[in-house]
Every structure is written in C-alpha cells, then in structure tokens.
Amino acid sequence: MKSDSRAIGLLDRFQKGATLLGLHMALVGFRPLEQLLCKSSQSLTRSVSGMLQAVDSVKRELNRMRTMEFVTNMLSEVKRIVDELNLDEIVLPRRRQPPERFCGSAEQHHAQSTEVYYRLEFFKLVDTVQVQHIERFGVDKVGLRQYRCLEEILLTGDVSDVVDAYPEIHPKALQIELAMFRHQISYGSTMEAVLRMQEMTPEV
C-alpha cells in the first residue's frame, strides 16, 4: 500500500506543469556549469588557464540567461510542452501570508501572473549560481592566480617571483632545469609535461 500511494503521489506531482517548469529551470541553470566548468576543472588534460577561460564562458552565459527575452522564450517553450503532453496548467503557488511580526501591517506583495512569478524565481536561481561562481572562481582568489603562474612557469620556462612562496624551490636552479627540459622535450600542456617526466629515467 505504501508503494501504491507513493506512486500515485509521484504521478500527481509529475503531471503538474509547474513541476516540469521547475525541472526545466534547474536544467537550464546547471547546464553551462556541467558542460563547460565541470568538464574543464575535472579534466586531467586541461590547464588552469583553460579552466579560467571556462569560468569566463560560464559567466557570459549566465549573464545572457538573466534577461527578459531569455525567460520569456523559456516559459513559452515549457508551456508548449505542457500543452503537448496534456499536463496540468502552470499556476501560481498558494499564497502565504507571513506573520505580522515579520512584515508589520504592510500588505504582502504577490505576483499577479505566472510569468512574473517564475521569472523572478529563475532570476533568483541565476543570481545564486553567479554568487557561488564568483566566490569560488573570482579574480581575487590567490590560489587560482598562483596555480596559473606556476603553470606558466612550466610552459614558458620563465621563472617568476611566485616561486618564492615555496622554500624547497631554488629559482636559479629551476630556471636552468626548465631550460634543459624544454630543450630536450616538446610539450604544450602541463599534462604533457608530466607524462614526459614520467617517461624519463631517474638518472635524467
């Protein structure tokens, strides 16, 4: 009986147009993160610079999504699917009146249409993603800047003062070693450099 009631509850939920809209909004919001950022940041063959380029691409995509035109087109597409699948019409959620101690005697604002309500909800989603995006990959993040500088040292052979933060690294010795390494082996990414190093004999 429990499984039957749960199945009926799920069926009732999935027949609602608002459920489809919510899933679609989540998919649209997370797609650029999955397709651009996650693949770049988790790949063994990508560079830090490439990951930061993916961060910029995600930022531009989120800005493009946060427009009236984008949301209007998205809502129109979802409504078309709702009609096509014969789902329940998208309606406003039940109004909730907050306690008077929180809002005083002022009248609570309520959206007058589904377009207005869900547009604001989608903007909240995009804003949350943008804030978290900036907190993790902002230009002020010292760690990311430092890793990018270290990567540039490996790829170009030009040793900068960023190595001063690592007492185990001798800048002049590193300069000579990288020059010899780059003279003997050709590589264009950090992963290629790692693979070439692993192929070398310990004596080298």
N, C-alpha and C. Protein backbone atom coordinates (compact mmCIF):
# COMPACT_ATOMS: atom_id res chain seq x y z
N MET A 1 0.82 -1.21 0.00
CA MET A 1 0.00 0.00 0.00
C MET A 1 0.85 1.25 0.00
N LYS A 2 1.97 1.21 0.73
CA LYS A 2 2.82 2.38 0.77
C LYS A 2 3.38 2.71 -0.61
N SER A 3 3.82 1.67 -1.32
CA SER A 3 4.38 1.90 -2.65
C SER A 3 3.32 2.42 -3.60
N ASP A 4 2.08 1.94 -3.46
CA ASP A 4 0.99 2.42 -4.32
C ASP A 4 0.71 3.89 -4.08
N SER A 5 0.65 4.27 -2.81
CA SER A 5 0.36 5.67 -2.50
C SER A 5 1.50 6.59 -2.95
N ARG A 6 2.73 6.09 -2.82
CA ARG A 6 3.87 6.88 -3.27
C ARG A 6 3.86 7.06 -4.78
N ALA A 7 3.52 5.98 -5.50
CA ALA A 7 3.45 6.06 -6.95
C ALA A 7 2.37 7.04 -7.39
N ILE A 8 1.24 7.00 -6.71
CA ILE A 8 0.16 7.93 -7.05
C ILE A 8 0.58 9.37 -6.76
N GLY A 9 1.29 9.55 -5.63
CA GLY A 9 1.77 10.90 -5.30
C GLY A 9 2.77 11.42 -6.32
N LEU A 10 3.68 10.54 -6.75
CA LEU A 10 4.66 10.94 -7.77
C LEU A 10 3.97 11.25 -9.09
N LEU A 11 3.01 10.43 -9.48
CA LEU A 11 2.28 10.67 -10.71
C LEU A 11 1.56 12.01 -10.68
N ASP A 12 0.91 12.28 -9.54
CA ASP A 12 0.22 13.56 -9.39
C ASP A 12 1.19 14.73 -9.50
N ARG A 13 2.39 14.57 -8.91
CA ARG A 13 3.38 15.64 -8.95
C ARG A 13 3.93 15.85 -10.36
N PHE A 14 4.20 14.74 -11.05
CA PHE A 14 4.79 14.84 -12.38
C PHE A 14 3.79 15.29 -13.44
N GLN A 15 2.52 15.24 -13.11
CA GLN A 15 1.51 15.72 -14.06
C GLN A 15 1.30 17.23 -13.97
N LYS A 16 1.94 17.85 -13.01
CA LYS A 16 1.78 19.30 -12.85
C LYS A 16 2.76 20.04 -13.76
N GLY A 17 2.24 21.04 -14.44
CA GLY A 17 3.09 21.83 -15.32
C GLY A 17 4.18 22.57 -14.57
N ALA A 18 3.89 22.96 -13.32
CA ALA A 18 4.89 23.67 -12.53
C ALA A 18 6.09 22.79 -12.22
N THR A 19 5.86 21.47 -12.08
CA THR A 19 6.98 20.55 -11.84
C THR A 19 7.89 20.50 -13.06
N LEU A 20 7.30 20.41 -14.24
CA LEU A 20 8.09 20.42 -15.48
C LEU A 20 8.87 21.72 -15.61
N LEU A 21 8.23 22.83 -15.28
CA LEU A 21 8.90 24.12 -15.37
C LEU A 21 10.07 24.20 -14.40
N GLY A 22 9.87 23.72 -13.17
CA GLY A 22 10.95 23.73 -12.19
C GLY A 22 12.14 22.89 -12.63
N LEU A 23 11.86 21.70 -13.17
CA LEU A 23 12.94 20.84 -13.67
C LEU A 23 13.67 21.49 -14.84
N HIS A 24 12.90 22.12 -15.71
CA HIS A 24 13.49 22.78 -16.87
C HIS A 24 14.37 23.96 -16.44
N MET A 25 13.92 24.74 -15.48
CA MET A 25 14.71 25.86 -14.98
C MET A 25 16.01 25.38 -14.37
N ALA A 26 15.94 24.29 -13.59
CA ALA A 26 17.15 23.74 -12.98
C ALA A 26 18.12 23.24 -14.05
N LEU A 27 17.59 22.58 -15.06
CA LEU A 27 18.43 22.07 -16.15
C LEU A 27 19.11 23.21 -16.89
N VAL A 28 18.35 24.25 -17.20
CA VAL A 28 18.92 25.40 -17.91
C VAL A 28 19.98 26.08 -17.05
N GLY A 29 19.73 26.19 -15.75
CA GLY A 29 20.68 26.87 -14.87
C GLY A 29 21.97 26.12 -14.67
N PHE A 30 21.90 24.78 -14.61
CA PHE A 30 23.09 23.99 -14.33
C PHE A 30 23.80 23.47 -15.57
N ARG A 31 23.16 23.56 -16.73
CA ARG A 31 23.79 23.03 -17.95
C ARG A 31 25.14 23.66 -18.25
N PRO A 32 25.28 25.01 -18.22
CA PRO A 32 26.61 25.58 -18.51
C PRO A 32 27.67 25.18 -17.49
N LEU A 33 27.25 24.97 -16.24
CA LEU A 33 28.22 24.53 -15.23
C LEU A 33 28.72 23.12 -15.53
N GLU A 34 27.80 22.26 -15.95
CA GLU A 34 28.17 20.87 -16.22
C GLU A 34 28.97 20.75 -17.52
N GLN A 35 28.51 21.42 -18.57
CA GLN A 35 29.12 21.26 -19.88
C GLN A 35 30.44 22.01 -20.02
N LEU A 36 30.56 23.15 -19.35
CA LEU A 36 31.76 23.97 -19.51
C LEU A 36 32.71 23.85 -18.32
N LEU A 37 32.19 24.17 -17.14
CA LEU A 37 33.07 24.31 -15.99
C LEU A 37 33.50 22.97 -15.39
N CYS A 38 32.56 22.07 -15.18
CA CYS A 38 32.90 20.80 -14.55
C CYS A 38 33.86 19.99 -15.41
N LYS A 39 33.61 19.94 -16.71
CA LYS A 39 34.49 19.18 -17.60
C LYS A 39 35.89 19.77 -17.61
N SER A 40 35.96 21.10 -17.57
CA SER A 40 37.27 21.74 -17.62
C SER A 40 38.04 21.61 -16.32
N SER A 41 37.35 21.78 -15.19
CA SER A 41 38.03 21.76 -13.90
C SER A 41 38.40 20.35 -13.44
N GLN A 42 37.68 19.33 -13.94
CA GLN A 42 37.94 17.96 -13.51
C GLN A 42 38.78 17.17 -14.51
N SER A 43 39.02 17.74 -15.67
CA SER A 43 39.77 17.02 -16.70
C SER A 43 41.26 16.95 -16.35
N LEU A 44 41.87 15.82 -16.66
CA LEU A 44 43.30 15.65 -16.41
C LEU A 44 44.14 16.28 -17.52
N THR A 45 43.50 16.61 -18.64
CA THR A 45 44.25 17.15 -19.77
C THR A 45 44.08 18.65 -19.94
N ARG A 46 43.27 19.29 -19.12
CA ARG A 46 43.05 20.73 -19.23
C ARG A 46 44.03 21.49 -18.34
N SER A 47 44.25 22.75 -18.67
CA SER A 47 45.16 23.60 -17.91
C SER A 47 44.36 24.53 -17.00
N VAL A 48 45.08 25.17 -16.07
CA VAL A 48 44.43 26.15 -15.20
C VAL A 48 43.93 27.33 -16.03
N SER A 49 44.72 27.74 -17.00
CA SER A 49 44.29 28.84 -17.88
C SER A 49 43.03 28.47 -18.63
N GLY A 50 42.98 27.21 -19.10
CA GLY A 50 41.77 26.75 -19.79
C GLY A 50 40.57 26.73 -18.87
N MET A 51 40.78 26.35 -17.61
CA MET A 51 39.68 26.34 -16.66
C MET A 51 39.17 27.76 -16.42
N LEU A 52 40.09 28.73 -16.32
CA LEU A 52 39.67 30.12 -16.10
C LEU A 52 38.94 30.67 -17.32
N GLN A 53 39.32 30.21 -18.51
CA GLN A 53 38.57 30.60 -19.70
C GLN A 53 37.16 30.03 -19.66
N ALA A 54 37.03 28.79 -19.16
CA ALA A 54 35.70 28.19 -18.99
C ALA A 54 34.88 28.98 -17.97
N VAL A 55 35.54 29.48 -16.93
CA VAL A 55 34.86 30.30 -15.93
C VAL A 55 34.29 31.56 -16.58
N ASP A 56 35.06 32.21 -17.44
CA ASP A 56 34.59 33.40 -18.14
C ASP A 56 33.42 33.06 -19.08
N SER A 57 33.50 31.90 -19.73
CA SER A 57 32.41 31.48 -20.63
C SER A 57 31.12 31.26 -19.86
N VAL A 58 31.23 30.64 -18.69
CA VAL A 58 30.05 30.42 -17.85
C VAL A 58 29.46 31.75 -17.39
N LYS A 59 30.34 32.67 -17.05
CA LYS A 59 29.88 33.99 -16.60
C LYS A 59 29.08 34.70 -17.70
N ARG A 60 29.59 34.64 -18.93
CA ARG A 60 28.88 35.26 -20.06
C ARG A 60 27.54 34.56 -20.32
N GLU A 61 27.53 33.24 -20.19
CA GLU A 61 26.30 32.50 -20.43
C GLU A 61 25.25 32.82 -19.37
N LEU A 62 25.66 32.94 -18.13
CA LEU A 62 24.73 33.30 -17.06
C LEU A 62 24.16 34.70 -17.26
N ASN A 63 24.99 35.62 -17.70
CA ASN A 63 24.51 36.98 -17.99
C ASN A 63 23.50 36.97 -19.14
N ARG A 64 23.74 36.13 -20.14
CA ARG A 64 22.81 36.03 -21.26
C ARG A 64 21.47 35.46 -20.81
N MET A 65 21.50 34.54 -19.86
CA MET A 65 20.28 33.92 -19.38
C MET A 65 19.46 34.86 -18.51
N ARG A 66 20.11 35.83 -17.90
CA ARG A 66 19.38 36.72 -16.98
C ARG A 66 18.79 37.91 -17.73
N THR A 67 17.96 37.63 -18.70
CA THR A 67 17.30 38.66 -19.49
C THR A 67 15.82 38.33 -19.62
N MET A 68 15.00 39.34 -19.84
CA MET A 68 13.57 39.14 -20.01
C MET A 68 13.29 38.26 -21.23
N GLU A 69 14.03 38.50 -22.30
CA GLU A 69 13.80 37.75 -23.54
C GLU A 69 14.06 36.26 -23.35
N PHE A 70 15.16 35.94 -22.66
CA PHE A 70 15.50 34.53 -22.45
C PHE A 70 14.42 33.83 -21.64
N VAL A 71 13.98 34.46 -20.55
CA VAL A 71 12.98 33.83 -19.69
C VAL A 71 11.64 33.70 -20.41
N THR A 72 11.27 34.71 -21.19
CA THR A 72 10.01 34.65 -21.94
C THR A 72 10.02 33.49 -22.92
N ASN A 73 11.14 33.31 -23.63
CA ASN A 73 11.25 32.20 -24.57
C ASN A 73 11.22 30.86 -23.84
N MET A 74 11.87 30.80 -22.68
CA MET A 74 11.89 29.56 -21.90
C MET A 74 10.49 29.20 -21.43
N LEU A 75 9.76 30.17 -20.91
CA LEU A 75 8.40 29.91 -20.43
C LEU A 75 7.48 29.49 -21.58
N SER A 76 7.66 30.11 -22.72
CA SER A 76 6.84 29.75 -23.89
C SER A 76 7.10 28.32 -24.32
N GLU A 77 8.37 27.91 -24.29
CA GLU A 77 8.72 26.54 -24.68
C GLU A 77 8.15 25.53 -23.70
N VAL A 78 8.24 25.83 -22.41
CA VAL A 78 7.70 24.91 -21.40
C VAL A 78 6.18 24.81 -21.52
N LYS A 79 5.52 25.92 -21.75
CA LYS A 79 4.06 25.89 -21.91
C LYS A 79 3.65 25.08 -23.13
N ARG A 80 4.46 25.15 -24.18
CA ARG A 80 4.18 24.35 -25.37
C ARG A 80 4.27 22.86 -25.04
N ILE A 81 5.28 22.47 -24.26
CA ILE A 81 5.44 21.07 -23.88
C ILE A 81 4.30 20.63 -22.95
N VAL A 82 3.89 21.52 -22.06
CA VAL A 82 2.77 21.21 -21.15
C VAL A 82 1.51 20.91 -21.96
N ASP A 83 1.23 21.74 -22.95
CA ASP A 83 0.05 21.50 -23.80
C ASP A 83 0.20 20.23 -24.61
N GLU A 84 1.41 19.99 -25.11
CA GLU A 84 1.66 18.81 -25.94
C GLU A 84 1.49 17.51 -25.16
N LEU A 85 1.92 17.51 -23.89
CA LEU A 85 1.83 16.32 -23.04
C LEU A 85 0.55 16.26 -22.23
N ASN A 86 -0.28 17.28 -22.41
CA ASN A 86 -1.57 17.33 -21.70
C ASN A 86 -1.36 17.31 -20.18
N LEU A 87 -0.41 18.10 -19.70
CA LEU A 87 -0.16 18.22 -18.27
C LEU A 87 -1.04 19.30 -17.66
N ASP A 88 -1.07 19.35 -16.35
CA ASP A 88 -1.84 20.39 -15.67
C ASP A 88 -1.24 21.76 -15.98
N GLU A 89 -2.10 22.72 -16.10
CA GLU A 89 -1.67 24.09 -16.42
C GLU A 89 -0.74 24.65 -15.33
N ILE A 90 0.22 25.44 -15.75
CA ILE A 90 1.13 26.10 -14.80
C ILE A 90 0.35 27.19 -14.07
N VAL A 91 0.32 27.10 -12.76
CA VAL A 91 -0.43 28.08 -11.97
C VAL A 91 0.48 28.65 -10.89
N LEU A 92 0.01 29.72 -10.29
CA LEU A 92 0.75 30.32 -9.19
C LEU A 92 0.65 29.43 -7.95
N PRO A 93 1.70 29.37 -7.16
CA PRO A 93 1.62 28.60 -5.91
C PRO A 93 0.67 29.26 -4.92
N ARG A 94 0.27 28.51 -3.94
CA ARG A 94 -0.65 29.04 -2.93
C ARG A 94 0.00 30.22 -2.20
N ARG A 95 -0.76 31.26 -2.05
CA ARG A 95 -0.24 32.45 -1.37
C ARG A 95 -0.03 32.18 0.10
N ARG A 96 1.07 32.71 0.60
CA ARG A 96 1.38 32.54 2.02
C ARG A 96 1.56 33.91 2.66
N GLN A 97 0.85 34.12 3.73
CA GLN A 97 0.94 35.39 4.44
C GLN A 97 1.91 35.24 5.60
N PRO A 98 3.04 35.96 5.59
CA PRO A 98 4.00 35.83 6.69
C PRO A 98 3.43 36.42 7.98
N PRO A 99 3.94 36.01 9.11
CA PRO A 99 3.46 36.55 10.40
C PRO A 99 3.61 38.06 10.44
N GLU A 100 2.70 38.70 11.12
CA GLU A 100 2.69 40.16 11.18
C GLU A 100 3.94 40.69 11.87
N ARG A 101 4.55 39.92 12.76
CA ARG A 101 5.75 40.40 13.46
C ARG A 101 6.95 40.53 12.51
N PHE A 102 6.87 39.88 11.34
CA PHE A 102 7.94 39.97 10.36
C PHE A 102 7.72 41.08 9.34
N CYS A 103 6.47 41.31 8.96
CA CYS A 103 6.20 42.30 7.91
C CYS A 103 5.34 43.47 8.37
N GLY A 104 4.92 43.47 9.64
CA GLY A 104 4.11 44.57 10.12
C GLY A 104 2.72 44.52 9.53
N SER A 105 2.14 45.68 9.40
CA SER A 105 0.78 45.76 8.87
C SER A 105 0.76 45.96 7.36
N ALA A 106 1.94 46.02 6.75
CA ALA A 106 2.00 46.24 5.30
C ALA A 106 1.44 45.04 4.55
N GLU A 107 0.86 45.31 3.41
CA GLU A 107 0.29 44.25 2.59
C GLU A 107 1.40 43.48 1.89
N GLN A 108 1.32 42.16 1.92
CA GLN A 108 2.33 41.30 1.31
C GLN A 108 2.24 41.37 -0.21
N HIS A 109 3.38 41.49 -0.86
CA HIS A 109 3.39 41.52 -2.32
C HIS A 109 3.18 40.12 -2.88
N HIS A 110 2.34 40.02 -3.89
CA HIS A 110 2.10 38.75 -4.57
C HIS A 110 2.15 38.98 -6.07
N ALA A 111 2.83 38.08 -6.77
CA ALA A 111 2.88 38.17 -8.23
C ALA A 111 1.48 37.98 -8.81
N GLN A 112 1.18 38.74 -9.85
CA GLN A 112 -0.15 38.69 -10.42
C GLN A 112 -0.26 37.73 -11.60
N SER A 113 0.86 37.16 -12.03
CA SER A 113 0.82 36.22 -13.15
C SER A 113 1.93 35.19 -12.99
N THR A 114 1.76 34.06 -13.66
CA THR A 114 2.79 33.02 -13.60
C THR A 114 4.08 33.49 -14.25
N GLU A 115 3.98 34.33 -15.30
CA GLU A 115 5.17 34.84 -15.97
C GLU A 115 6.02 35.65 -15.02
N VAL A 116 5.38 36.54 -14.27
CA VAL A 116 6.12 37.39 -13.33
C VAL A 116 6.72 36.55 -12.21
N TYR A 117 5.93 35.65 -11.66
CA TYR A 117 6.39 34.85 -10.52
C TYR A 117 7.59 33.98 -10.90
N TYR A 118 7.47 33.24 -11.98
CA TYR A 118 8.54 32.30 -12.34
C TYR A 118 9.74 33.00 -12.97
N ARG A 119 9.52 34.17 -13.51
CA ARG A 119 10.68 34.94 -13.98
C ARG A 119 11.55 35.36 -12.79
N LEU A 120 10.92 35.82 -11.73
CA LEU A 120 11.66 36.19 -10.53
C LEU A 120 12.35 34.97 -9.91
N GLU A 121 11.66 33.83 -9.91
CA GLU A 121 12.26 32.61 -9.35
C GLU A 121 13.48 32.18 -10.17
N PHE A 122 13.38 32.31 -11.49
CA PHE A 122 14.52 31.94 -12.33
C PHE A 122 15.68 32.90 -12.12
N PHE A 123 15.39 34.18 -11.97
CA PHE A 123 16.45 35.16 -11.71
C PHE A 123 17.13 34.86 -10.37
N LYS A 124 16.35 34.41 -9.38
CA LYS A 124 16.95 34.03 -8.09
C LYS A 124 17.94 32.87 -8.28
N LEU A 125 17.54 31.90 -9.11
CA LEU A 125 18.40 30.76 -9.38
C LEU A 125 19.70 31.21 -10.04
N VAL A 126 19.58 32.05 -11.07
CA VAL A 126 20.77 32.52 -11.78
C VAL A 126 21.65 33.36 -10.85
N ASP A 127 21.04 34.21 -10.04
CA ASP A 127 21.81 35.05 -9.10
C ASP A 127 22.58 34.19 -8.10
N THR A 128 21.94 33.13 -7.61
CA THR A 128 22.61 32.24 -6.66
C THR A 128 23.81 31.56 -7.31
N VAL A 129 23.62 31.10 -8.54
CA VAL A 129 24.74 30.46 -9.26
C VAL A 129 25.87 31.47 -9.48
N GLN A 130 25.53 32.68 -9.84
CA GLN A 130 26.55 33.69 -10.09
C GLN A 130 27.33 34.02 -8.82
N VAL A 131 26.63 34.16 -7.70
CA VAL A 131 27.31 34.48 -6.44
C VAL A 131 28.27 33.36 -6.05
N GLN A 132 27.80 32.11 -6.12
CA GLN A 132 28.66 30.98 -5.78
C GLN A 132 29.82 30.87 -6.76
N HIS A 133 29.55 31.19 -7.99
CA HIS A 133 30.58 31.16 -9.04
C HIS A 133 31.69 32.14 -8.72
N ILE A 134 31.31 33.36 -8.33
CA ILE A 134 32.29 34.40 -8.01
C ILE A 134 33.08 34.03 -6.75
N GLU A 135 32.37 33.48 -5.76
CA GLU A 135 33.06 33.12 -4.51
C GLU A 135 34.13 32.05 -4.73
N ARG A 136 33.90 31.16 -5.67
CA ARG A 136 34.85 30.07 -5.88
C ARG A 136 35.91 30.38 -6.93
N PHE A 137 35.55 31.18 -7.93
CA PHE A 137 36.47 31.40 -9.04
C PHE A 137 36.71 32.88 -9.32
N GLY A 138 36.50 33.74 -8.34
CA GLY A 138 36.71 35.17 -8.53
C GLY A 138 38.18 35.50 -8.79
N VAL A 139 38.38 36.66 -9.44
CA VAL A 139 39.75 37.07 -9.80
C VAL A 139 40.60 37.37 -8.58
N ASP A 140 39.96 37.54 -7.41
CA ASP A 140 40.71 37.84 -6.20
C ASP A 140 41.19 36.59 -5.47
N LYS A 141 40.92 35.42 -6.04
CA LYS A 141 41.33 34.18 -5.40
C LYS A 141 42.83 33.96 -5.62
N VAL A 142 43.59 34.05 -4.51
CA VAL A 142 45.04 33.96 -4.59
C VAL A 142 45.48 32.60 -5.10
N GLY A 143 44.82 31.55 -4.65
CA GLY A 143 45.21 30.20 -5.03
C GLY A 143 45.18 29.98 -6.53
N LEU A 144 44.08 30.42 -7.18
CA LEU A 144 43.97 30.24 -8.63
C LEU A 144 45.04 31.04 -9.38
N ARG A 145 45.27 32.27 -8.95
CA ARG A 145 46.30 33.08 -9.60
C ARG A 145 47.67 32.44 -9.45
N GLN A 146 47.92 31.88 -8.28
CA GLN A 146 49.22 31.27 -8.03
C GLN A 146 49.42 30.02 -8.88
N TYR A 147 48.37 29.20 -8.97
CA TYR A 147 48.47 27.99 -9.80
C TYR A 147 48.66 28.36 -11.27
N ARG A 148 48.00 29.41 -11.71
CA ARG A 148 48.17 29.81 -13.11
C ARG A 148 49.60 30.29 -13.36
N CYS A 149 50.17 31.03 -12.40
CA CYS A 149 51.56 31.50 -12.55
C CYS A 149 52.53 30.32 -12.58
N LEU A 150 52.29 29.31 -11.73
CA LEU A 150 53.15 28.13 -11.72
C LEU A 150 53.04 27.37 -13.04
N GLU A 151 51.84 27.31 -13.57
CA GLU A 151 51.65 26.64 -14.85
C GLU A 151 52.39 27.38 -15.97
N GLU A 152 52.33 28.71 -15.94
CA GLU A 152 53.03 29.49 -16.96
C GLU A 152 54.54 29.31 -16.85
N ILE A 153 55.03 29.15 -15.64
CA ILE A 153 56.47 28.90 -15.46
C ILE A 153 56.86 27.59 -16.13
N LEU A 154 56.04 26.56 -15.92
CA LEU A 154 56.34 25.25 -16.51
C LEU A 154 56.25 25.30 -18.03
N LEU A 155 55.27 26.01 -18.56
CA LEU A 155 55.05 26.01 -20.01
C LEU A 155 55.98 26.95 -20.75
N THR A 156 56.40 28.04 -20.11
CA THR A 156 57.24 29.03 -20.79
C THR A 156 58.71 28.95 -20.39
N GLY A 157 58.98 28.44 -19.19
CA GLY A 157 60.36 28.40 -18.70
C GLY A 157 60.81 29.68 -18.04
N ASP A 158 59.93 30.68 -17.98
CA ASP A 158 60.26 31.97 -17.36
C ASP A 158 59.86 31.92 -15.88
N VAL A 159 60.85 31.88 -15.01
CA VAL A 159 60.59 31.76 -13.57
C VAL A 159 60.29 33.13 -12.99
N SER A 160 59.14 33.24 -12.31
CA SER A 160 58.74 34.50 -11.68
C SER A 160 58.90 34.39 -10.17
N ASP A 161 58.61 35.50 -9.49
CA ASP A 161 58.80 35.53 -8.04
C ASP A 161 57.73 34.74 -7.28
N VAL A 162 56.77 34.13 -8.01
CA VAL A 162 55.75 33.34 -7.33
C VAL A 162 56.37 32.12 -6.64
N VAL A 163 57.52 31.68 -7.14
CA VAL A 163 58.18 30.51 -6.53
C VAL A 163 58.77 30.85 -5.18
N ASP A 164 58.84 32.11 -4.83
CA ASP A 164 59.39 32.50 -3.53
C ASP A 164 58.53 31.96 -2.39
N ALA A 165 57.28 31.63 -2.70
CA ALA A 165 56.38 31.08 -1.67
C ALA A 165 56.69 29.63 -1.36
N TYR A 166 57.59 29.04 -2.14
CA TYR A 166 57.95 27.63 -1.95
C TYR A 166 59.43 27.54 -1.62
N PRO A 167 59.79 27.43 -0.35
CA PRO A 167 61.20 27.42 0.06
C PRO A 167 61.99 26.23 -0.51
N GLU A 168 61.31 25.15 -0.89
CA GLU A 168 62.01 23.99 -1.42
C GLU A 168 62.45 24.19 -2.88
N ILE A 169 61.98 25.27 -3.52
CA ILE A 169 62.34 25.54 -4.91
C ILE A 169 63.43 26.59 -4.97
N HIS A 170 64.51 26.28 -5.69
CA HIS A 170 65.59 27.24 -5.90
C HIS A 170 65.37 27.88 -7.27
N PRO A 171 65.04 29.19 -7.32
CA PRO A 171 64.68 29.83 -8.60
C PRO A 171 65.73 29.67 -9.69
N LYS A 172 66.99 29.91 -9.39
CA LYS A 172 68.03 29.84 -10.42
C LYS A 172 68.19 28.41 -10.93
N ALA A 173 68.17 27.44 -10.01
CA ALA A 173 68.29 26.05 -10.41
C ALA A 173 67.08 25.64 -11.27
N LEU A 174 65.89 26.10 -10.88
CA LEU A 174 64.69 25.77 -11.64
C LEU A 174 64.77 26.35 -13.04
N GLN A 175 65.31 27.57 -13.16
CA GLN A 175 65.45 28.20 -14.46
C GLN A 175 66.32 27.34 -15.39
N ILE A 176 67.43 26.85 -14.86
CA ILE A 176 68.34 26.03 -15.65
C ILE A 176 67.69 24.69 -16.01
N GLU A 177 67.03 24.07 -15.03
CA GLU A 177 66.41 22.76 -15.26
C GLU A 177 65.29 22.84 -16.29
N LEU A 178 64.48 23.90 -16.20
CA LEU A 178 63.40 24.05 -17.17
C LEU A 178 63.94 24.30 -18.57
N ALA A 179 65.00 25.07 -18.67
CA ALA A 179 65.61 25.33 -19.97
C ALA A 179 66.11 24.03 -20.60
N MET A 180 66.76 23.19 -19.80
CA MET A 180 67.23 21.90 -20.29
C MET A 180 66.06 20.98 -20.66
N PHE A 181 65.06 20.98 -19.83
CA PHE A 181 63.89 20.13 -20.08
C PHE A 181 63.18 20.53 -21.37
N ARG A 182 62.99 21.83 -21.56
CA ARG A 182 62.30 22.32 -22.75
C ARG A 182 63.16 22.11 -24.00
N HIS A 183 64.48 22.12 -23.84
CA HIS A 183 65.36 21.91 -24.98
C HIS A 183 65.31 20.45 -25.45
N GLN A 184 65.13 19.52 -24.52
CA GLN A 184 65.15 18.11 -24.85
C GLN A 184 63.77 17.57 -25.23
N ILE A 185 62.72 18.14 -24.66
CA ILE A 185 61.37 17.59 -24.82
C ILE A 185 60.40 18.69 -25.23
N SER A 186 59.51 18.35 -26.13
CA SER A 186 58.48 19.28 -26.58
C SER A 186 57.16 18.96 -25.90
N TYR A 187 56.53 19.96 -25.35
CA TYR A 187 55.23 19.78 -24.69
C TYR A 187 54.46 21.09 -24.74
N GLY A 188 53.15 20.98 -24.72
CA GLY A 188 52.31 22.16 -24.82
C GLY A 188 51.32 22.33 -23.69
N SER A 189 51.31 21.39 -22.75
CA SER A 189 50.40 21.47 -21.61
C SER A 189 51.07 20.86 -20.39
N THR A 190 50.50 21.13 -19.23
CA THR A 190 51.05 20.58 -18.00
C THR A 190 50.97 19.05 -17.99
N MET A 191 49.87 18.50 -18.54
CA MET A 191 49.74 17.05 -18.56
C MET A 191 50.80 16.43 -19.47
N GLU A 192 51.06 17.04 -20.61
CA GLU A 192 52.12 16.52 -21.48
C GLU A 192 53.46 16.57 -20.79
N ALA A 193 53.71 17.65 -20.04
CA ALA A 193 54.98 17.77 -19.31
C ALA A 193 55.10 16.67 -18.26
N VAL A 194 54.01 16.39 -17.56
CA VAL A 194 54.02 15.33 -16.54
C VAL A 194 54.30 13.98 -17.18
N LEU A 195 53.65 13.70 -18.30
CA LEU A 195 53.84 12.42 -18.98
C LEU A 195 55.27 12.26 -19.48
N ARG A 196 55.84 13.36 -20.01
CA ARG A 196 57.23 13.29 -20.49
C ARG A 196 58.20 13.04 -19.32
N MET A 197 57.89 13.68 -18.18
CA MET A 197 58.75 13.47 -17.00
C MET A 197 58.67 12.03 -16.52
N GLN A 198 57.46 11.46 -16.54
CA GLN A 198 57.30 10.08 -16.07
C GLN A 198 58.01 9.09 -16.99
N GLU A 199 58.16 9.46 -18.25
CA GLU A 199 58.83 8.57 -19.20
C GLU A 199 60.36 8.62 -19.07
N MET A 200 60.86 9.65 -18.42
CA MET A 200 62.31 9.81 -18.30
C MET A 200 62.87 8.86 -17.25
N THR A 201 64.11 8.49 -17.41
CA THR A 201 64.77 7.61 -16.44
C THR A 201 65.14 8.43 -15.20
N PRO A 202 65.24 7.81 -14.04
CA PRO A 202 65.59 8.54 -12.80
C PRO A 202 66.91 9.29 -12.92
N GLU A 203 67.87 8.74 -13.69
CA GLU A 203 69.16 9.38 -13.82
C GLU A 203 69.05 10.76 -14.47
N VAL A 204 68.09 10.88 -15.40
CA VAL A 204 67.91 12.15 -16.08
C VAL A 204 67.23 13.15 -15.16
